[in-house]
Amino acid sequence: MDFDRAGAFLVVCAILMFGTCREAHAQNENSILGARRFLQFCAGCHGADGRGGDKAASLATSESVRTHTDQDLFRIVHDGTTDGMPPFAQIGETNIMAVVHFLRMLESQSASTNETTDIGVMGDINSGRALYFGKAQCSTCHMMQGRGGFIASDLTAYGRHHNASAILKAITTPDSLLVASSRVVTVTTLRGRTLTGVLRNEDNFSMDLQTEDGRYHLLARSDLTDVHYTDHSLMPRDYGALLSSSELDDIAAFLVLESRSPSKSAGQDE
């Protein structure tokens, strides 16, 4: 009898674990689809990062998004608004729901970046600076105080709006809140050329790809034989293994303290 009970318990555990894995997989698929559809239908006005553009306001930091229910957001996307936003009923309910899911991701990311009361610095700023421009190679992609690359976001003011804990999470799990403008895509052209880079914009007819050398490539979809979307950015995903905990703390300290230094950050508010 005890053996039967143990067997039944294991079966129940297996079913629960399977259900949890399926739910996590579904959430990941929704996130990827939402990012793609946002980039395709919304980024042209609201910006690839959801923080607004010349045609429309920010959605990532909008109080309206936070106060509306999912049903409200669905209706707004579906029907449009009297303020000039066109209706998107034609993209279908599945795609609209995916966009709403992505808006909630942007909302969550914005909320986490606004918690700045406790900067939580434990590392050494000078060691962090050496790592940033040296071993960790952060400056290959990210600008800091006018030095570094430009394919990724400028981190000059990043530490003013993120505490050390949030920065460590962004470094070690860079794809946990992946925005559409950071997704890596690999395409193959009719001539057999393969390009890998960050997808900056796309629609039904073209794609705007920025490769790691900083160059932009405007590609017609009719000229492509294959398009492979990834679920990650250019950010390395193994910093947790490549760098020690103290080195990670040093980089976080550098980003926070350098960004908040009055002598270097004056006049550089976002």
C-alpha atoms as a PDB file:
ATOM      1  CA  MET A   1       0.000   0.000   0.000  1.00  0.00           C
ATOM      2  CA  ASP A   2       2.840   2.394   0.899  1.00  0.00           C
ATOM      3  CA  PHE A   3       4.521   1.574  -2.417  1.00  0.00           C
ATOM      4  CA  ASP A   4       1.322   2.411  -4.290  1.00  0.00           C
ATOM      5  CA  ARG A   5       1.026   5.714  -2.465  1.00  0.00           C
ATOM      6  CA  ALA A   6       4.636   6.586  -3.221  1.00  0.00           C
ATOM      7  CA  GLY A   7       4.102   5.771  -6.872  1.00  0.00           C
ATOM      8  CA  ALA A   8       0.978   7.899  -7.020  1.00  0.00           C
ATOM      9  CA  PHE A   9       2.847  10.770  -5.337  1.00  0.00           C
ATOM     10  CA  LEU A  10       5.626  10.614  -7.923  1.00  0.00           C
ATOM     11  CA  VAL A  11       3.093  10.645 -10.748  1.00  0.00           C
ATOM     12  CA  VAL A  12       1.422  13.741  -9.300  1.00  0.00           C
ATOM     13  CA  CYS A  13       4.817  15.463  -8.916  1.00  0.00           C
ATOM     14  CA  ALA A  14       5.710  14.627 -12.508  1.00  0.00           C
ATOM     15  CA  ILE A  15       2.413  16.052 -13.751  1.00  0.00           C
ATOM     16  CA  LEU A  16       2.915  19.261 -11.742  1.00  0.00           C
ATOM     17  CA  MET A  17       6.481  19.677 -13.011  1.00  0.00           C
ATOM     18  CA  PHE A  18       5.347  19.084 -16.589  1.00  0.00           C
ATOM     19  CA  GLY A  19       2.627  21.677 -16.179  1.00  0.00           C
ATOM     20  CA  THR A  20       5.070  24.203 -14.737  1.00  0.00           C
ATOM     21  CA  CYS A  21       7.535  23.671 -17.602  1.00  0.00           C
ATOM     22  CA  ARG A  22       4.765  24.056 -20.169  1.00  0.00           C
ATOM     23  CA  GLU A  23       3.595  27.272 -18.539  1.00  0.00           C
ATOM     24  CA  ALA A  24       7.153  28.696 -18.499  1.00  0.00           C
ATOM     25  CA  HIS A  25       7.630  27.739 -22.143  1.00  0.00           C
ATOM     26  CA  ALA A  26       4.330  29.384 -23.072  1.00  0.00           C
ATOM     27  CA  GLN A  27       5.321  32.566 -21.214  1.00  0.00           C
ATOM     28  CA  ASN A  28       8.621  32.686 -23.110  1.00  0.00           C
ATOM     29  CA  GLU A  29       6.858  32.207 -26.443  1.00  0.00           C
ATOM     30  CA  ASN A  30       4.388  34.986 -25.579  1.00  0.00           C
ATOM     31  CA  SER A  31       7.277  37.301 -24.717  1.00  0.00           C
ATOM     32  CA  ILE A  32       9.041  36.621 -28.016  1.00  0.00           C
ATOM     33  CA  LEU A  33       5.864  37.018 -30.079  1.00  0.00           C
ATOM     34  CA  GLY A  34       4.953  40.195 -28.200  1.00  0.00           C
ATOM     35  CA  ALA A  35       8.379  41.729 -28.822  1.00  0.00           C
ATOM     36  CA  ARG A  36       8.161  40.924 -32.530  1.00  0.00           C
ATOM     37  CA  ARG A  37       4.660  42.332 -32.956  1.00  0.00           C
ATOM     38  CA  PHE A  38       5.475  45.446 -30.944  1.00  0.00           C
ATOM     39  CA  LEU A  39       8.495  46.079 -33.148  1.00  0.00           C
ATOM     40  CA  GLN A  40       6.416  45.434 -36.270  1.00  0.00           C
ATOM     41  CA  PHE A  41       3.297  47.457 -35.467  1.00  0.00           C
ATOM     42  CA  CYS A  42       4.079  49.846 -32.583  1.00  0.00           C
ATOM     43  CA  ALA A  43       7.763  50.823 -32.667  1.00  0.00           C
ATOM     44  CA  GLY A  44       7.352  53.161 -35.636  1.00  0.00           C
ATOM     45  CA  CYS A  45       5.507  55.627 -33.384  1.00  0.00           C
ATOM     46  CA  HIS A  46       6.306  54.591 -29.810  1.00  0.00           C
ATOM     47  CA  GLY A  47       9.994  53.769 -30.309  1.00  0.00           C
ATOM     48  CA  ALA A  48      11.706  50.384 -30.451  1.00  0.00           C
ATOM     49  CA  ASP A  49      12.205  50.467 -26.680  1.00  0.00           C
ATOM     50  CA  GLY A  50       8.679  51.702 -26.012  1.00  0.00           C
ATOM     51  CA  ARG A  51       9.934  55.008 -24.619  1.00  0.00           C
ATOM     52  CA  GLY A  52       8.344  57.214 -27.228  1.00  0.00           C
ATOM     53  CA  GLY A  53       9.354  58.919 -30.438  1.00  0.00           C
ATOM     54  CA  ASP A  54       8.455  61.872 -32.644  1.00  0.00           C
ATOM     55  CA  LYS A  55       4.957  60.525 -33.302  1.00  0.00           C
ATOM     56  CA  ALA A  56       3.778  59.124 -29.982  1.00  0.00           C
ATOM     57  CA  ALA A  57       4.467  59.111 -26.255  1.00  0.00           C
ATOM     58  CA  SER A  58       6.325  56.600 -24.110  1.00  0.00           C
ATOM     59  CA  LEU A  59       4.504  53.408 -23.183  1.00  0.00           C
ATOM     60  CA  ALA A  60       7.250  51.987 -20.971  1.00  0.00           C
ATOM     61  CA  THR A  61       6.891  54.771 -18.409  1.00  0.00           C
ATOM     62  CA  SER A  62       3.223  55.634 -18.962  1.00  0.00           C
ATOM     63  CA  GLU A  63       0.975  55.906 -15.923  1.00  0.00           C
ATOM     64  CA  SER A  64      -1.924  55.139 -18.252  1.00  0.00           C
ATOM     65  CA  VAL A  65      -0.522  51.702 -19.097  1.00  0.00           C
ATOM     66  CA  ARG A  66      -0.105  50.895 -15.406  1.00  0.00           C
ATOM     67  CA  THR A  67      -3.653  51.932 -14.501  1.00  0.00           C
ATOM     68  CA  HIS A  68      -5.401  50.207 -17.409  1.00  0.00           C
ATOM     69  CA  THR A  69      -6.420  46.553 -17.232  1.00  0.00           C
ATOM     70  CA  ASP A  70      -5.315  44.048 -19.847  1.00  0.00           C
ATOM     71  CA  GLN A  71      -8.836  44.230 -21.298  1.00  0.00           C
ATOM     72  CA  ASP A  72      -8.563  48.020 -21.566  1.00  0.00           C
ATOM     73  CA  LEU A  73      -5.211  47.794 -23.344  1.00  0.00           C
ATOM     74  CA  PHE A  74      -6.569  45.122 -25.685  1.00  0.00           C
ATOM     75  CA  ARG A  75      -9.502  47.372 -26.599  1.00  0.00           C
ATOM     76  CA  ILE A  76      -7.233  50.377 -27.195  1.00  0.00           C
ATOM     77  CA  VAL A  77      -4.971  48.425 -29.547  1.00  0.00           C
ATOM     78  CA  HIS A  78      -7.975  46.812 -31.254  1.00  0.00           C
ATOM     79  CA  ASP A  79     -10.114  49.941 -31.692  1.00  0.00           C
ATOM     80  CA  GLY A  80      -7.593  52.780 -31.651  1.00  0.00           C
ATOM     81  CA  THR A  81      -8.160  56.094 -29.854  1.00  0.00           C
ATOM     82  CA  THR A  82      -9.732  59.469 -30.549  1.00  0.00           C
ATOM     83  CA  ASP A  83      -6.272  61.025 -30.048  1.00  0.00           C
ATOM     84  CA  GLY A  84      -5.084  59.675 -33.374  1.00  0.00           C
ATOM     85  CA  MET A  85      -3.892  56.119 -32.729  1.00  0.00           C
ATOM     86  CA  PRO A  86      -5.205  53.917 -35.557  1.00  0.00           C
ATOM     87  CA  PRO A  87      -7.038  50.638 -34.847  1.00  0.00           C
ATOM     88  CA  PHE A  88      -5.102  47.379 -35.195  1.00  0.00           C
ATOM     89  CA  ALA A  89      -7.994  44.935 -35.285  1.00  0.00           C
ATOM     90  CA  GLN A  90      -6.606  43.599 -38.549  1.00  0.00           C
ATOM     91  CA  ILE A  91      -3.581  41.976 -36.869  1.00  0.00           C
ATOM     92  CA  GLY A  92      -5.823  39.536 -34.999  1.00  0.00           C
ATOM     93  CA  GLU A  93      -6.589  38.831 -31.350  1.00  0.00           C
ATOM     94  CA  THR A  94      -3.544  36.591 -30.783  1.00  0.00           C
ATOM     95  CA  ASN A  95      -1.144  39.312 -31.896  1.00  0.00           C
ATOM     96  CA  ILE A  96      -2.955  42.006 -29.899  1.00  0.00           C
ATOM     97  CA  MET A  97      -2.785  39.860 -26.759  1.00  0.00           C
ATOM     98  CA  ALA A  98       0.944  39.365 -27.406  1.00  0.00           C
ATOM     99  CA  VAL A  99       1.427  43.147 -27.652  1.00  0.00           C
ATOM    100  CA  VAL A 100      -0.417  43.626 -24.353  1.00  0.00           C
ATOM    101  CA  HIS A 101       1.844  40.991 -22.768  1.00  0.00           C
ATOM    102  CA  PHE A 102       4.888  42.902 -24.027  1.00  0.00           C
ATOM    103  CA  LEU A 103       3.526  46.172 -22.622  1.00  0.00           C
ATOM    104  CA  ARG A 104       3.347  44.517 -19.209  1.00  0.00           C
ATOM    105  CA  MET A 105       6.988  43.470 -19.601  1.00  0.00           C
ATOM    106  CA  LEU A 106       7.946  47.089 -20.359  1.00  0.00           C
ATOM    107  CA  GLU A 107       5.930  48.222 -17.340  1.00  0.00           C
ATOM    108  CA  SER A 108       7.714  45.721 -15.095  1.00  0.00           C
ATOM    109  CA  GLN A 109      11.119  46.778 -16.396  1.00  0.00           C
ATOM    110  CA  SER A 110      10.337  50.453 -15.887  1.00  0.00           C
ATOM    111  CA  ALA A 111       9.155  49.834 -12.335  1.00  0.00           C
ATOM    112  CA  SER A 112      12.363  47.998 -11.440  1.00  0.00           C
ATOM    113  CA  THR A 113      14.525  50.817 -12.814  1.00  0.00           C
ATOM    114  CA  ASN A 114      12.748  53.503 -10.813  1.00  0.00           C
ATOM    115  CA  GLU A 115      13.781  52.064  -7.444  1.00  0.00           C
ATOM    116  CA  THR A 116      16.850  54.211  -6.743  1.00  0.00           C
ATOM    117  CA  THR A 117      16.691  54.955  -3.021  1.00  0.00           C
ATOM    118  CA  ASP A 118      19.149  52.188  -2.119  1.00  0.00           C
ATOM    119  CA  ILE A 119      22.092  52.047  -4.494  1.00  0.00           C
ATOM    120  CA  GLY A 120      23.591  49.036  -2.673  1.00  0.00           C
ATOM    121  CA  VAL A 121      27.187  49.565  -3.844  1.00  0.00           C
ATOM    122  CA  MET A 122      29.689  47.022  -2.520  1.00  0.00           C
ATOM    123  CA  GLY A 123      32.467  47.063  -5.119  1.00  0.00           C
ATOM    124  CA  ASP A 124      35.401  49.299  -5.996  1.00  0.00           C
ATOM    125  CA  ILE A 125      34.859  51.978  -8.642  1.00  0.00           C
ATOM    126  CA  ASN A 126      38.444  51.960  -9.938  1.00  0.00           C
ATOM    127  CA  SER A 127      38.543  48.186 -10.365  1.00  0.00           C
ATOM    128  CA  GLY A 128      35.135  48.382 -12.019  1.00  0.00           C
ATOM    129  CA  ARG A 129      36.370  51.009 -14.485  1.00  0.00           C
ATOM    130  CA  ALA A 130      39.346  48.806 -15.432  1.00  0.00           C
ATOM    131  CA  LEU A 131      37.035  45.819 -15.942  1.00  0.00           C
ATOM    132  CA  TYR A 132      34.511  47.837 -17.972  1.00  0.00           C
ATOM    133  CA  PHE A 133      37.127  49.021 -20.451  1.00  0.00           C
ATOM    134  CA  GLY A 134      39.243  45.868 -20.198  1.00  0.00           C
ATOM    135  CA  LYS A 135      38.537  42.260 -19.265  1.00  0.00           C
ATOM    136  CA  ALA A 136      34.733  42.467 -19.288  1.00  0.00           C
ATOM    137  CA  GLN A 137      34.729  44.311 -22.655  1.00  0.00           C
ATOM    138  CA  CYS A 138      31.580  46.251 -21.807  1.00  0.00           C
ATOM    139  CA  SER A 139      32.879  49.237 -23.773  1.00  0.00           C
ATOM    140  CA  THR A 140      32.926  47.185 -26.977  1.00  0.00           C
ATOM    141  CA  CYS A 141      29.181  47.795 -27.252  1.00  0.00           C
ATOM    142  CA  HIS A 142      28.277  50.375 -24.583  1.00  0.00           C
ATOM    143  CA  MET A 143      29.275  54.025 -24.436  1.00  0.00           C
ATOM    144  CA  MET A 144      30.250  55.474 -21.050  1.00  0.00           C
ATOM    145  CA  GLN A 145      31.118  59.156 -20.605  1.00  0.00           C
ATOM    146  CA  GLY A 146      31.829  59.469 -24.334  1.00  0.00           C
ATOM    147  CA  ARG A 147      34.032  56.348 -24.564  1.00  0.00           C
ATOM    148  CA  GLY A 148      33.067  52.989 -26.015  1.00  0.00           C
ATOM    149  CA  GLY A 149      30.834  51.441 -28.636  1.00  0.00           C
ATOM    150  CA  PHE A 150      27.392  52.511 -29.756  1.00  0.00           C
ATOM    151  CA  ILE A 151      25.533  49.412 -30.926  1.00  0.00           C
ATOM    152  CA  ALA A 152      24.114  48.983 -27.414  1.00  0.00           C
ATOM    153  CA  SER A 153      22.626  51.569 -25.060  1.00  0.00           C
ATOM    154  CA  ASP A 154      24.703  54.415 -23.622  1.00  0.00           C
ATOM    155  CA  LEU A 155      25.324  53.654 -19.927  1.00  0.00           C
ATOM    156  CA  THR A 156      26.460  57.142 -18.911  1.00  0.00           C
ATOM    157  CA  ALA A 157      23.280  57.793 -16.919  1.00  0.00           C
ATOM    158  CA  TYR A 158      22.305  54.162 -16.339  1.00  0.00           C
ATOM    159  CA  GLY A 159      23.457  53.990 -12.735  1.00  0.00           C
ATOM    160  CA  ARG A 160      21.379  57.021 -11.781  1.00  0.00           C
ATOM    161  CA  HIS A 161      18.207  55.015 -12.256  1.00  0.00           C
ATOM    162  CA  HIS A 162      19.385  51.522 -11.279  1.00  0.00           C
ATOM    163  CA  ASN A 163      20.778  50.272  -7.996  1.00  0.00           C
ATOM    164  CA  ALA A 164      23.617  47.761  -7.800  1.00  0.00           C
ATOM    165  CA  SER A 165      21.259  44.798  -7.372  1.00  0.00           C
ATOM    166  CA  ALA A 166      19.335  45.659 -10.548  1.00  0.00           C
ATOM    167  CA  ILE A 167      22.602  46.121 -12.453  1.00  0.00           C
ATOM    168  CA  LEU A 168      23.929  42.727 -11.345  1.00  0.00           C
ATOM    169  CA  LYS A 169      20.693  41.113 -12.528  1.00  0.00           C
ATOM    170  CA  ALA A 170      20.963  42.874 -15.900  1.00  0.00           C
ATOM    171  CA  ILE A 171      24.560  41.651 -16.314  1.00  0.00           C
ATOM    172  CA  THR A 172      24.047  38.027 -15.293  1.00  0.00           C
ATOM    173  CA  THR A 173      20.568  37.493 -16.802  1.00  0.00           C
ATOM    174  CA  PRO A 174      20.522  39.952 -19.711  1.00  0.00           C
ATOM    175  CA  ASP A 175      17.598  38.360 -21.533  1.00  0.00           C
ATOM    176  CA  SER A 176      15.169  38.229 -18.613  1.00  0.00           C
ATOM    177  CA  LEU A 177      13.462  41.418 -19.833  1.00  0.00           C
ATOM    178  CA  LEU A 178      14.487  41.513 -23.469  1.00  0.00           C
ATOM    179  CA  VAL A 179      13.089  44.450 -25.436  1.00  0.00           C
ATOM    180  CA  ALA A 180      12.403  44.279 -29.143  1.00  0.00           C
ATOM    181  CA  SER A 181      15.153  46.746 -30.059  1.00  0.00           C
ATOM    182  CA  SER A 182      17.817  44.454 -28.537  1.00  0.00           C
ATOM    183  CA  ARG A 183      16.860  41.133 -30.179  1.00  0.00           C
ATOM    184  CA  VAL A 184      19.509  39.471 -32.346  1.00  0.00           C
ATOM    185  CA  VAL A 185      18.420  38.258 -35.777  1.00  0.00           C
ATOM    186  CA  THR A 186      20.314  36.299 -38.431  1.00  0.00           C
ATOM    187  CA  VAL A 187      19.261  36.678 -42.061  1.00  0.00           C
ATOM    188  CA  THR A 188      20.383  35.045 -45.297  1.00  0.00           C
ATOM    189  CA  THR A 189      20.049  36.879 -48.620  1.00  0.00           C
ATOM    190  CA  LEU A 190      19.287  35.493 -52.059  1.00  0.00           C
ATOM    191  CA  ARG A 191      22.998  35.824 -52.876  1.00  0.00           C
ATOM    192  CA  GLY A 192      23.933  33.628 -49.915  1.00  0.00           C
ATOM    193  CA  ARG A 193      25.166  36.432 -47.668  1.00  0.00           C
ATOM    194  CA  THR A 194      24.536  35.937 -43.936  1.00  0.00           C
ATOM    195  CA  LEU A 195      24.165  38.878 -41.578  1.00  0.00           C
ATOM    196  CA  THR A 196      23.735  38.784 -37.815  1.00  0.00           C
ATOM    197  CA  GLY A 197      22.816  41.859 -35.850  1.00  0.00           C
ATOM    198  CA  VAL A 198      20.286  43.759 -33.773  1.00  0.00           C
ATOM    199  CA  LEU A 199      16.845  44.189 -35.309  1.00  0.00           C
ATOM    200  CA  ARG A 200      16.145  47.913 -35.120  1.00  0.00           C
ATOM    201  CA  ASN A 201      12.904  47.957 -37.087  1.00  0.00           C
ATOM    202  CA  GLU A 202      10.777  45.781 -39.343  1.00  0.00           C
ATOM    203  CA  ASP A 203       7.480  45.707 -41.211  1.00  0.00           C
ATOM    204  CA  ASN A 204       5.860  43.436 -43.763  1.00  0.00           C
ATOM    205  CA  PHE A 205       8.224  44.579 -46.509  1.00  0.00           C
ATOM    206  CA  SER A 206      11.602  45.397 -44.973  1.00  0.00           C
ATOM    207  CA  MET A 207      13.963  44.902 -42.032  1.00  0.00           C
ATOM    208  CA  ASP A 208      16.460  47.342 -40.539  1.00  0.00           C
ATOM    209  CA  LEU A 209      19.435  45.430 -39.115  1.00  0.00           C
ATOM    210  CA  GLN A 210      22.442  46.878 -37.283  1.00  0.00           C
ATOM    211  CA  THR A 211      25.519  44.666 -37.249  1.00  0.00           C
ATOM    212  CA  GLU A 212      28.148  44.703 -34.493  1.00  0.00           C
ATOM    213  CA  ASP A 213      30.407  47.027 -36.511  1.00  0.00           C
ATOM    214  CA  GLY A 214      27.708  49.687 -36.180  1.00  0.00           C
ATOM    215  CA  ARG A 215      26.577  49.576 -39.815  1.00  0.00           C
ATOM    216  CA  TYR A 216      22.863  49.652 -40.684  1.00  0.00           C
ATOM    217  CA  HIS A 217      21.473  47.345 -43.351  1.00  0.00           C
ATOM    218  CA  LEU A 218      18.046  48.085 -44.836  1.00  0.00           C
ATOM    219  CA  LEU A 219      16.900  44.761 -46.262  1.00  0.00           C
ATOM    220  CA  ALA A 220      13.881  44.014 -48.422  1.00  0.00           C
ATOM    221  CA  ARG A 221      12.082  40.867 -47.269  1.00  0.00           C
ATOM    222  CA  SER A 222      11.796  39.775 -50.908  1.00  0.00           C
ATOM    223  CA  ASP A 223      15.619  39.588 -50.997  1.00  0.00           C
ATOM    224  CA  LEU A 224      15.832  37.239 -47.999  1.00  0.00           C
ATOM    225  CA  THR A 225      15.704  33.460 -48.090  1.00  0.00           C
ATOM    226  CA  ASP A 226      15.796  32.942 -44.323  1.00  0.00           C
ATOM    227  CA  VAL A 227      15.140  34.992 -41.193  1.00  0.00           C
ATOM    228  CA  HIS A 228      16.032  33.524 -37.789  1.00  0.00           C
ATOM    229  CA  TYR A 229      14.830  35.384 -34.694  1.00  0.00           C
ATOM    230  CA  THR A 230      16.652  34.620 -31.464  1.00  0.00           C
ATOM    231  CA  ASP A 231      15.432  35.122 -27.914  1.00  0.00           C
ATOM    232  CA  HIS A 232      18.597  36.907 -26.795  1.00  0.00           C
ATOM    233  CA  SER A 233      20.506  40.156 -27.239  1.00  0.00           C
ATOM    234  CA  LEU A 234      24.167  40.751 -28.125  1.00  0.00           C
ATOM    235  CA  MET A 235      24.915  40.861 -24.407  1.00  0.00           C
ATOM    236  CA  PRO A 236      27.042  37.846 -23.331  1.00  0.00           C
ATOM    237  CA  ARG A 237      25.045  35.401 -21.244  1.00  0.00           C
ATOM    238  CA  ASP A 238      27.960  33.898 -19.319  1.00  0.00           C
ATOM    239  CA  TYR A 239      29.238  36.831 -17.270  1.00  0.00           C
ATOM    240  CA  GLY A 240      28.189  34.961 -14.138  1.00  0.00           C
ATOM    241  CA  ALA A 241      30.819  32.336 -14.987  1.00  0.00           C
ATOM    242  CA  LEU A 242      33.467  34.558 -16.595  1.00  0.00           C
ATOM    243  CA  LEU A 243      33.608  37.094 -13.771  1.00  0.00           C
ATOM    244  CA  SER A 244      33.872  36.558 -10.029  1.00  0.00           C
ATOM    245  CA  SER A 245      31.240  37.961  -7.679  1.00  0.00           C
ATOM    246  CA  SER A 246      33.669  40.659  -6.527  1.00  0.00           C
ATOM    247  CA  GLU A 247      34.389  41.656 -10.144  1.00  0.00           C
ATOM    248  CA  LEU A 248      30.669  41.909 -10.835  1.00  0.00           C
ATOM    249  CA  ASP A 249      30.279  44.089  -7.738  1.00  0.00           C
ATOM    250  CA  ASP A 250      33.109  46.309  -8.991  1.00  0.00           C
ATOM    251  CA  ILE A 251      31.419  46.850 -12.373  1.00  0.00           C
ATOM    252  CA  ALA A 252      28.116  47.648 -10.669  1.00  0.00           C
ATOM    253  CA  ALA A 253      29.898  50.131  -8.396  1.00  0.00           C
ATOM    254  CA  PHE A 254      31.532  51.800 -11.378  1.00  0.00           C
ATOM    255  CA  LEU A 255      28.240  52.183 -13.255  1.00  0.00           C
ATOM    256  CA  VAL A 256      26.400  53.555 -10.222  1.00  0.00           C
ATOM    257  CA  LEU A 257      29.053  55.880  -8.823  1.00  0.00           C
ATOM    258  CA  GLU A 258      30.339  57.137 -12.178  1.00  0.00           C
ATOM    259  CA  SER A 259      26.800  57.961 -13.298  1.00  0.00           C
ATOM    260  CA  ARG A 260      26.075  59.837 -10.069  1.00  0.00           C
ATOM    261  CA  SER A 261      29.333  61.752  -9.899  1.00  0.00           C
ATOM    262  CA  PRO A 262      28.406  65.486  -9.908  1.00  0.00           C
ATOM    263  CA  SER A 263      31.609  66.454 -11.720  1.00  0.00           C
ATOM    264  CA  LYS A 264      30.954  64.110 -14.634  1.00  0.00           C
ATOM    265  CA  SER A 265      27.196  63.814 -14.906  1.00  0.00           C
ATOM    266  CA  ALA A 266      26.140  67.442 -14.628  1.00  0.00           C
ATOM    267  CA  GLY A 267      24.012  68.484 -17.567  1.00  0.00           C
ATOM    268  CA  GLN A 268      23.652  64.936 -18.857  1.00  0.00           C
ATOM    269  CA  ASP A 269      20.177  64.174 -17.513  1.00  0.00           C
ATOM    270  CA  GLU A 270      18.002  62.058 -19.699  1.00  0.00           C
END
